[in-house]
């Protein structure tokens, strides 16, 4: 009988932002917003195939998405959940979807540990799924995604759409599309 350390059993993951990463965002005045209805929910070209390639390479795929409009009362949780059901249908290689509905409106309260840029969603998924964060990645299109990934100790890939907002920390890599991000992760897999 052989003994293996717990670290060898940990799996690597790719954490994925949702809006602007997997599905089309709505851009107004240079700022991205999530789709408002299920009818507006549309994946970018090549997303299912790129996710399948990542999963085939041994990565667990975990969506980590802030959906603060639910907490603000401007979006229903049922609509967001219907989008996630559609996402699971279109991208069957997804392992898990982590969601934070906290809008972060109370600036006097400490930040919700699960609301990006805080890394709580990544930490929770890592504990639940047995993920090796130092061998994992975060792909996203906003500064919050990059900061979240860095705080969790994963490598970061920024999808640059030229939004009217600045990054707060430098990502490890910058690309222009999700398939390009997947290609980059696969090229740097060890």
Protein backbone atom coordinates (compact mmCIF):
# COMPACT_ATOMS: atom_id res chain seq x y z
CA UNK A 1 0.00 0.00 0.00
CA UNK A 2 1.37 3.41 -0.95
CA UNK A 3 0.83 6.67 0.80
CA UNK A 4 0.43 9.95 -1.06
CA UNK A 5 0.47 13.37 0.44
CA UNK A 6 -2.73 15.44 0.28
CA UNK A 7 -0.97 17.94 -2.02
CA UNK A 8 -0.54 15.33 -4.74
CA UNK A 9 -4.30 14.71 -4.78
CA UNK A 10 -5.14 18.35 -5.41
CA UNK A 11 -6.34 19.24 -8.90
CA UNK A 12 -5.64 22.37 -10.87
CA UNK A 13 -8.45 24.68 -11.93
CA UNK A 14 -9.31 27.53 -14.22
CA UNK A 15 -11.58 30.05 -12.52
CA UNK A 16 -13.72 31.92 -15.01
CA UNK A 17 -15.52 35.20 -14.75
CA UNK A 18 -18.90 35.07 -16.50
CA UNK A 19 -19.95 38.35 -18.15
CA UNK A 20 -17.36 39.58 -20.65
CA UNK A 21 -15.41 36.35 -20.37
CA UNK A 22 -17.75 33.50 -21.31
CA UNK A 23 -20.78 35.47 -22.47
CA UNK A 24 -21.24 38.79 -24.20
CA UNK A 25 -21.44 41.78 -21.94
CA UNK A 26 -23.49 44.92 -22.58
CA UNK A 27 -21.15 47.92 -22.86
CA UNK A 28 -22.54 51.39 -22.13
CA UNK A 29 -20.31 54.47 -21.92
CA UNK A 30 -17.23 52.26 -21.86
CA UNK A 31 -18.42 50.17 -18.88
CA UNK A 32 -19.52 46.52 -19.07
CA UNK A 33 -22.82 45.24 -17.69
CA UNK A 34 -24.38 41.78 -17.52
CA UNK A 35 -27.19 40.78 -19.86
CA UNK A 36 -30.60 41.70 -18.39
CA UNK A 37 -32.59 38.77 -19.76
CA UNK A 38 -32.07 35.16 -20.73
CA UNK A 39 -32.74 36.19 -24.33
CA UNK A 40 -29.69 38.52 -24.16
CA UNK A 41 -27.46 35.78 -22.72
CA UNK A 42 -25.09 34.74 -25.54
CA UNK A 43 -21.73 33.00 -25.36
CA UNK A 44 -18.73 34.35 -27.22
CA UNK A 45 -17.69 32.24 -30.23
CA UNK A 46 -15.46 29.31 -29.33
CA UNK A 47 -16.23 29.26 -25.59
CA UNK A 48 -17.66 25.70 -25.37
CA UNK A 49 -14.78 24.30 -27.41
CA UNK A 50 -12.12 26.19 -25.44
CA UNK A 51 -13.64 25.02 -22.14
CA UNK A 52 -13.72 21.43 -23.42
CA UNK A 53 -10.00 21.68 -24.27
CA UNK A 54 -9.18 22.97 -20.79
CA UNK A 55 -11.22 20.19 -19.15
CA UNK A 56 -9.58 17.57 -21.38
CA UNK A 57 -6.19 18.85 -20.17
CA UNK A 58 -7.24 18.11 -16.58
CA UNK A 59 -8.45 21.49 -15.39
CA UNK A 60 -11.55 21.82 -13.21
CA UNK A 61 -13.59 24.73 -14.58
CA UNK A 62 -15.21 26.95 -11.96
CA UNK A 63 -17.20 30.09 -12.76
CA UNK A 64 -16.76 32.84 -10.13
CA UNK A 65 -19.18 35.68 -10.81
CA UNK A 66 -20.39 38.77 -8.99
CA UNK A 67 -24.06 39.40 -9.71
CA UNK A 68 -24.67 42.52 -7.59
CA UNK A 69 -27.81 43.57 -9.47
CA UNK A 70 -29.68 40.85 -7.54
CA UNK A 71 -28.59 42.42 -4.25
CA UNK A 72 -29.55 45.86 -5.56
CA UNK A 73 -33.00 44.59 -6.52
CA UNK A 74 -32.59 45.46 -10.23
CA UNK A 75 -32.28 41.82 -11.38
CA UNK A 76 -34.08 38.71 -10.18
CA UNK A 77 -32.14 35.77 -8.85
CA UNK A 78 -34.39 33.51 -10.97
CA UNK A 79 -33.16 35.20 -14.18
CA UNK A 80 -29.52 34.81 -13.12
CA UNK A 81 -30.12 31.15 -12.27
CA UNK A 82 -31.79 30.62 -15.68
CA UNK A 83 -28.64 32.07 -17.30
CA UNK A 84 -26.53 29.65 -15.29
CA UNK A 85 -28.73 26.73 -16.34
CA UNK A 86 -28.25 27.79 -19.98
CA UNK A 87 -24.51 28.15 -19.40
CA UNK A 88 -24.33 24.59 -18.02
CA UNK A 89 -26.24 23.30 -21.09
CA UNK A 90 -23.92 25.11 -23.51
CA UNK A 91 -20.70 24.36 -21.60
CA UNK A 92 -21.11 20.90 -20.04
CA UNK A 93 -17.44 20.86 -18.99
CA UNK A 94 -18.12 23.41 -16.20
CA UNK A 95 -17.65 21.82 -12.80
CA UNK A 96 -19.16 24.50 -10.58
CA UNK A 97 -20.65 27.99 -10.57
CA UNK A 98 -19.89 30.23 -7.60
CA UNK A 99 -22.02 33.39 -7.31
CA UNK A 100 -21.91 36.45 -5.06
CA UNK A 101 -25.07 38.55 -5.00
CA UNK A 102 -23.75 41.15 -2.54
CA UNK A 103 -23.80 44.61 -4.18
CA UNK A 104 -21.16 46.00 -1.82
CA UNK A 105 -23.23 49.10 -1.08
CA UNK A 106 -22.41 49.38 2.63
CA UNK A 107 -18.96 50.98 2.49
CA UNK A 108 -18.75 51.09 6.30
CA UNK A 109 -19.01 47.27 6.54
CA UNK A 110 -16.09 44.98 5.84
CA UNK A 111 -16.19 43.62 2.29
CA UNK A 112 -18.01 40.34 1.66
CA UNK A 113 -15.26 37.68 1.50
CA UNK A 114 -16.91 36.20 -1.61
CA UNK A 115 -17.36 39.43 -3.58
CA UNK A 116 -14.55 39.90 -6.08
CA UNK A 117 -11.93 41.33 -5.70
CA UNK A 118 -12.02 39.32 -2.47
CA UNK A 119 -10.97 35.70 -3.14
CA UNK A 120 -13.64 33.90 -1.08
CA UNK A 121 -15.38 32.23 -4.04
CA UNK A 122 -12.06 30.77 -5.19
CA UNK A 123 -11.13 29.65 -1.66
CA UNK A 124 -14.55 28.03 -1.16
CA UNK A 125 -14.34 26.13 -4.45
CA UNK A 126 -10.76 25.08 -3.70
CA UNK A 127 -11.79 23.63 -0.34
CA UNK A 128 -14.87 21.89 -1.71
CA UNK A 129 -13.27 20.47 -4.86
CA UNK A 130 -9.72 19.87 -3.62
CA UNK A 131 -8.04 22.41 -5.90
CA UNK A 132 -4.37 23.38 -6.01
CA UNK A 133 -4.46 27.17 -6.18
CA UNK A 134 -0.76 27.71 -7.04
CA UNK A 135 -1.27 25.56 -10.17
CA UNK A 136 -4.55 27.28 -11.08
CA UNK A 137 -5.63 30.26 -13.16
CA UNK A 138 -8.21 33.08 -13.16
CA UNK A 139 -9.52 34.44 -16.47
CA UNK A 140 -11.54 37.65 -16.50
CA UNK A 141 -12.21 41.00 -18.14
CA UNK A 142 -12.28 43.36 -15.13
CA UNK A 143 -9.81 44.59 -12.55
CA UNK A 144 -11.79 42.74 -9.86
CA UNK A 145 -11.05 39.41 -11.56
CA UNK A 146 -7.32 40.08 -11.70
CA UNK A 147 -7.14 41.31 -8.11
CA UNK A 148 -9.21 38.31 -6.95
CA UNK A 149 -6.92 35.87 -8.72
CA UNK A 150 -3.80 37.48 -7.31
CA UNK A 151 -5.23 37.45 -3.78
CA UNK A 152 -6.00 33.74 -4.18
CA UNK A 153 -2.47 33.00 -5.42
CA UNK A 154 -3.41 31.90 -8.95
CA UNK A 155 -2.03 33.09 -12.28
CA UNK A 156 -4.20 35.65 -14.04
CA UNK A 157 -5.25 36.24 -17.63
CA UNK A 158 -6.94 39.52 -18.51
CA UNK A 159 -9.23 39.70 -21.54
CA UNK A 160 -8.82 43.29 -22.70
CA UNK A 161 -11.89 44.93 -24.23
CA UNK A 162 -10.60 48.47 -23.71
CA UNK A 163 -13.15 49.40 -21.05
CA UNK A 164 -13.08 52.87 -19.52
CA UNK A 165 -11.57 51.56 -16.29
CA UNK A 166 -8.03 50.96 -15.15
CA UNK A 167 -6.50 47.76 -13.88
CA UNK A 168 -5.31 48.04 -10.30
CA UNK A 169 -2.78 45.22 -10.52
CA UNK A 170 -0.86 43.88 -13.50
CA UNK A 171 -2.18 40.55 -14.80
CA UNK A 172 0.23 37.76 -15.66
CA UNK A 173 -1.04 37.76 -19.26
CA UNK A 174 -3.29 39.89 -21.51
CA UNK A 175 -5.32 38.51 -24.43
CA UNK A 176 -8.24 39.65 -26.60
CA UNK A 177 -10.60 36.64 -26.38
CA UNK A 178 -11.51 33.66 -24.26
CA UNK A 179 -10.21 31.10 -26.79
CA UNK A 180 -6.88 32.96 -26.75
CA UNK A 181 -6.87 32.81 -22.94
CA UNK A 182 -7.51 29.06 -23.03
CA UNK A 183 -4.69 28.61 -25.55
CA UNK A 184 -2.36 30.55 -23.26
CA UNK A 185 -3.27 28.44 -20.21
CA UNK A 186 -2.73 25.25 -22.18
CA UNK A 187 0.63 26.50 -23.49
CA UNK A 188 1.79 27.18 -19.91
CA UNK A 189 0.50 23.94 -18.38
CA UNK A 190 3.08 21.81 -16.68
